[in-house]
């Protein structure tokens, strides 16, 4: 039936299939493998596990043949080794959204000493019981090894010690160090103050937004609920470039320039 379709229509049909369906299709025949492997089908992918979380072997079987084409991934149900595999093997990846897990640790963001990512944005969005146990030093090294990163979002329970984080970034900065970071959102303001924000902006003059919002540590039902919450947050009007109260710490560069 599929083989009777015109090539351009067959390509459109495969574009609507899930990654698992494409993987099954490529084993049917050599012709269907050509269409299932089309780079267009793998440029931006959504990965949902069969059970509660991905097994690395299963995930590798699906994306390994296509890792040269993958530029954006949204994945649910992950473990440390799954996130680490994606970051270390999908070498053209620019955008990563991770949601749906119980606990992620430092290992998820640890890279080889000489590895450099092409990543531009990473969003780790958790539910009410999701915890991200990534320490400040590991996060600083991850940013160093992601020289094109411009958007960092931790929408989950995560504590990043401000002084350690800023100090580690200050150690690794040189005049040649790329400075592309535009937005940082963390679900914590504990240990942070105006001086830490100012030092971070000094390190990254490109920064337009810093949002330290403990409310986000409560988690989100799904990615769409996070996006609605984030849109509401962005619609807030700040009277000053820096606002700090019991609920949040926020920096908005555009207020400085207005």
Protein backbone atom coordinates (compact mmCIF):
# COMPACT_ATOMS: atom_id res chain seq x y z
CA UNK A 1 0.00 0.00 0.00
CA UNK A 2 2.66 2.52 1.01
CA UNK A 3 4.83 1.54 -1.91
CA UNK A 4 2.02 2.48 -4.31
CA UNK A 5 2.11 6.11 -3.21
CA UNK A 6 3.96 8.80 -5.21
CA UNK A 7 7.43 9.53 -3.72
CA UNK A 8 6.55 13.03 -2.54
CA UNK A 9 3.39 11.77 -0.79
CA UNK A 10 5.24 8.85 0.75
CA UNK A 11 7.76 11.26 2.21
CA UNK A 12 4.96 13.35 3.73
CA UNK A 13 3.40 10.21 5.25
CA UNK A 14 6.67 9.19 6.91
CA UNK A 15 7.02 12.70 8.32
CA UNK A 16 3.93 12.05 10.49
CA UNK A 17 5.27 8.80 11.95
CA UNK A 18 6.87 8.50 15.37
CA UNK A 19 10.55 7.66 15.72
CA UNK A 20 9.65 4.11 16.77
CA UNK A 21 7.38 3.69 13.74
CA UNK A 22 10.09 4.99 11.42
CA UNK A 23 12.55 2.53 12.94
CA UNK A 24 10.15 -0.36 12.28
CA UNK A 25 9.44 0.89 8.75
CA UNK A 26 13.10 0.98 7.76
CA UNK A 27 13.34 -2.78 8.35
CA UNK A 28 10.46 -3.63 5.97
CA UNK A 29 12.26 -3.00 2.71
CA UNK A 30 15.22 -1.15 1.28
CA UNK A 31 12.96 1.34 -0.48
CA UNK A 32 11.01 2.19 2.66
CA UNK A 33 14.29 2.54 4.52
CA UNK A 34 15.22 5.36 2.15
CA UNK A 35 12.08 7.26 3.08
CA UNK A 36 12.16 6.48 6.78
CA UNK A 37 15.79 7.63 6.93
CA UNK A 38 15.10 10.95 5.15
CA UNK A 39 16.95 13.71 7.09
CA UNK A 40 13.74 15.76 7.22
CA UNK A 41 12.15 13.09 9.45
CA UNK A 42 14.98 13.31 11.98
CA UNK A 43 15.79 17.01 12.11
CA UNK A 44 13.46 17.59 15.09
CA UNK A 45 12.18 14.58 17.04
CA UNK A 46 9.95 13.77 20.00
CA UNK A 47 10.90 10.66 21.96
CA UNK A 48 8.38 8.99 24.26
CA UNK A 49 9.28 5.74 26.07
CA UNK A 50 7.27 2.52 25.76
CA UNK A 51 7.30 2.16 29.54
CA UNK A 52 8.01 4.66 32.29
CA UNK A 53 11.54 5.46 31.10
CA UNK A 54 13.93 4.82 28.23
CA UNK A 55 16.44 2.00 28.25
CA UNK A 56 19.69 3.16 26.66
CA UNK A 57 19.87 0.14 24.34
CA UNK A 58 16.42 0.86 22.94
CA UNK A 59 17.12 4.56 22.47
CA UNK A 60 20.47 3.91 20.80
CA UNK A 61 18.82 1.52 18.34
CA UNK A 62 16.42 4.28 17.29
CA UNK A 63 18.64 7.33 16.94
CA UNK A 64 22.15 6.00 16.26
CA UNK A 65 21.64 5.76 12.45
CA UNK A 66 20.36 9.34 12.34
CA UNK A 67 22.50 11.23 14.84
CA UNK A 68 24.16 13.30 12.08
CA UNK A 69 20.76 14.81 11.16
CA UNK A 70 19.26 15.45 14.60
CA UNK A 71 19.19 19.13 15.61
CA UNK A 72 16.34 19.21 18.14
CA UNK A 73 15.12 16.62 20.65
CA UNK A 74 12.23 16.61 23.06
CA UNK A 75 12.45 13.52 25.23
CA UNK A 76 10.39 12.16 28.12
CA UNK A 77 11.23 9.46 30.64
CA UNK A 78 15.00 9.77 30.93
CA UNK A 79 17.85 8.60 33.13
CA UNK A 80 21.37 9.96 33.52
CA UNK A 81 22.88 7.68 30.90
CA UNK A 82 20.21 8.58 28.33
CA UNK A 83 20.79 12.33 28.65
CA UNK A 84 24.55 11.83 28.59
CA UNK A 85 24.32 9.62 25.49
CA UNK A 86 22.27 12.24 23.63
CA UNK A 87 24.69 15.04 24.50
CA UNK A 88 27.81 13.08 23.62
CA UNK A 89 26.58 11.36 20.44
CA UNK A 90 24.14 13.73 18.73
CA UNK A 91 26.94 16.08 17.79
CA UNK A 92 24.80 18.45 15.70
CA UNK A 93 22.17 18.88 18.41
CA UNK A 94 21.17 22.50 18.99
CA UNK A 95 18.04 22.27 21.14
CA UNK A 96 17.26 19.78 23.91
CA UNK A 97 14.11 19.59 26.03
CA UNK A 98 14.07 16.96 28.80
CA UNK A 99 10.91 16.22 30.76
CA UNK A 100 9.57 13.35 32.82
CA UNK A 101 12.00 11.71 35.24
CA UNK A 102 12.48 11.13 38.97
CA UNK A 103 16.11 12.06 39.63
CA UNK A 104 18.89 13.27 37.38
CA UNK A 105 22.41 13.67 38.75
CA UNK A 106 25.72 15.27 37.77
CA UNK A 107 26.43 12.37 35.42
CA UNK A 108 23.72 13.51 33.01
CA UNK A 109 25.65 16.72 32.17
CA UNK A 110 29.20 15.42 32.47
CA UNK A 111 31.10 15.46 29.20
CA UNK A 112 34.52 14.27 28.09
CA UNK A 113 37.31 16.78 28.93
CA UNK A 114 37.85 17.72 25.27
CA UNK A 115 34.24 17.63 24.15
CA UNK A 116 32.54 20.77 22.89
CA UNK A 117 28.82 20.92 22.15
CA UNK A 118 26.97 22.81 19.44
CA UNK A 119 24.02 23.17 21.83
CA UNK A 120 22.11 26.47 21.82
CA UNK A 121 19.39 25.73 24.35
CA UNK A 122 18.65 23.18 27.05
CA UNK A 123 15.43 23.00 29.06
CA UNK A 124 15.03 20.48 31.87
CA UNK A 125 11.40 20.53 32.98
CA UNK A 126 10.26 18.36 35.89
CA UNK A 127 7.07 17.25 37.54
CA UNK A 128 6.28 17.68 41.23
CA UNK A 129 8.54 14.80 42.32
CA UNK A 130 11.39 15.44 39.86
CA UNK A 131 14.80 16.45 41.23
CA UNK A 132 17.91 17.63 39.42
CA UNK A 133 21.03 16.97 41.49
CA UNK A 134 23.60 18.88 39.44
CA UNK A 135 26.12 20.85 41.47
CA UNK A 136 27.35 24.32 40.62
CA UNK A 137 30.80 23.18 39.45
CA UNK A 138 29.37 20.63 37.04
CA UNK A 139 26.97 23.21 35.61
CA UNK A 140 29.80 25.73 35.12
CA UNK A 141 31.87 23.13 33.24
CA UNK A 142 28.86 22.21 31.12
CA UNK A 143 28.39 25.85 30.11
CA UNK A 144 32.08 26.11 29.30
CA UNK A 145 31.78 23.09 27.00
CA UNK A 146 28.68 24.55 25.34
CA UNK A 147 30.18 27.72 23.82
CA UNK A 148 27.06 28.48 21.73
CA UNK A 149 24.57 28.07 24.56
CA UNK A 150 22.14 31.00 24.76
CA UNK A 151 19.23 29.62 26.80
CA UNK A 152 19.41 27.58 30.02
CA UNK A 153 16.24 26.51 31.87
CA UNK A 154 15.94 24.33 34.97
CA UNK A 155 12.20 24.13 35.65
CA UNK A 156 12.39 21.64 38.50
CA UNK A 157 13.79 21.11 41.97
CA UNK A 158 17.43 22.13 41.60
CA UNK A 159 19.82 23.99 43.86
CA UNK A 160 22.73 25.82 42.25
CA UNK A 161 25.00 27.42 44.84
CA UNK A 162 25.50 30.95 43.57
CA UNK A 163 29.01 31.73 44.84
CA UNK A 164 30.44 28.40 43.67
CA UNK A 165 28.74 28.70 40.28
CA UNK A 166 29.94 32.26 39.61
CA UNK A 167 33.45 31.56 40.93
CA UNK A 168 33.82 28.51 38.67
CA UNK A 169 32.68 30.52 35.66
CA UNK A 170 35.13 33.30 36.52
CA UNK A 171 37.98 30.77 36.60
CA UNK A 172 37.31 29.45 33.12
CA UNK A 173 36.67 32.76 31.39
CA UNK A 174 39.31 34.21 29.08
CA UNK A 175 39.16 36.96 26.47
CA UNK A 176 38.65 34.27 23.80
CA UNK A 177 35.82 32.57 25.65
CA UNK A 178 32.55 32.80 23.63
CA UNK A 179 29.82 34.75 25.39
CA UNK A 180 26.47 33.92 23.86
CA UNK A 181 24.30 33.26 26.91
CA UNK A 182 21.11 35.36 26.71
CA UNK A 183 18.72 33.80 29.22
CA UNK A 184 19.03 31.82 32.47
CA UNK A 185 16.03 30.45 34.39
CA UNK A 186 16.54 28.47 37.60
CA UNK A 187 13.96 27.21 40.09
CA UNK A 188 15.89 28.58 43.06
CA UNK A 189 17.00 31.89 44.52
CA UNK A 190 18.57 30.45 47.67
CA UNK A 191 22.16 31.73 48.16
CA UNK A 192 21.68 34.26 45.31
CA UNK A 193 21.81 38.05 45.71
CA UNK A 194 22.23 41.16 43.58
CA UNK A 195 26.03 40.87 43.57
CA UNK A 196 25.88 37.36 42.08
CA UNK A 197 23.54 38.55 39.35
CA UNK A 198 25.82 41.51 38.59
CA UNK A 199 28.89 39.25 38.36
CA UNK A 200 27.05 36.88 36.03
CA UNK A 201 26.06 39.79 33.78
CA UNK A 202 29.70 41.00 33.80
CA UNK A 203 30.78 37.57 32.62
CA UNK A 204 28.04 37.42 29.98
CA UNK A 205 27.23 40.92 28.65
CA UNK A 206 24.90 39.15 26.22
CA UNK A 207 22.52 38.21 29.06
CA UNK A 208 19.07 39.71 28.59
CA UNK A 209 17.12 37.78 31.24
CA UNK A 210 17.90 36.08 34.54
CA UNK A 211 14.98 34.47 36.34
CA UNK A 212 15.44 32.79 39.72
CA UNK A 213 11.97 31.49 40.59
CA UNK A 214 11.55 29.00 43.49
CA UNK A 215 7.92 28.51 42.47
CA UNK A 216 9.11 26.46 39.49
CA UNK A 217 10.50 23.81 41.84
CA UNK A 218 6.94 22.60 42.39
CA UNK A 219 7.11 21.07 38.92
CA UNK A 220 4.73 21.07 35.97
CA UNK A 221 2.13 18.64 34.68
CA UNK A 222 3.64 18.67 31.20
CA UNK A 223 5.70 20.83 28.86
CA UNK A 224 2.69 22.84 27.73
CA UNK A 225 1.82 23.85 31.29
CA UNK A 226 5.43 24.99 31.76
CA UNK A 227 5.26 27.06 28.58
CA UNK A 228 2.05 28.77 29.70
CA UNK A 229 3.63 29.55 33.07
CA UNK A 230 6.77 30.85 31.36
CA UNK A 231 4.76 33.09 29.03
CA UNK A 232 2.97 34.60 32.04
CA UNK A 233 6.34 35.15 33.70
CA UNK A 234 7.66 36.94 30.62
CA UNK A 235 4.59 39.17 30.51
CA UNK A 236 5.38 40.61 33.95
CA UNK A 237 6.36 44.26 33.82
CA UNK A 238 9.35 45.14 35.91
CA UNK A 239 9.77 48.70 37.09
CA UNK A 240 13.52 48.20 37.40
CA UNK A 241 16.18 46.09 35.73
CA UNK A 242 16.67 44.13 38.97
CA UNK A 243 13.84 42.94 41.21
CA UNK A 244 14.28 40.84 44.35
CA UNK A 245 11.62 39.77 46.83
CA UNK A 246 10.62 36.69 48.81
CA UNK A 247 9.19 35.05 45.68
CA UNK A 248 11.81 35.70 43.01
CA UNK A 249 14.92 37.40 41.72
CA UNK A 250 14.72 38.77 38.18
CA UNK A 251 16.99 40.74 35.87
CA UNK A 252 15.78 42.26 32.61
CA UNK A 253 18.32 44.04 30.44
CA UNK A 254 15.69 45.78 28.32
CA UNK A 255 14.52 47.77 31.37
CA UNK A 256 18.07 49.07 31.77
CA UNK A 257 18.06 50.34 28.20
CA UNK A 258 14.56 51.82 28.18
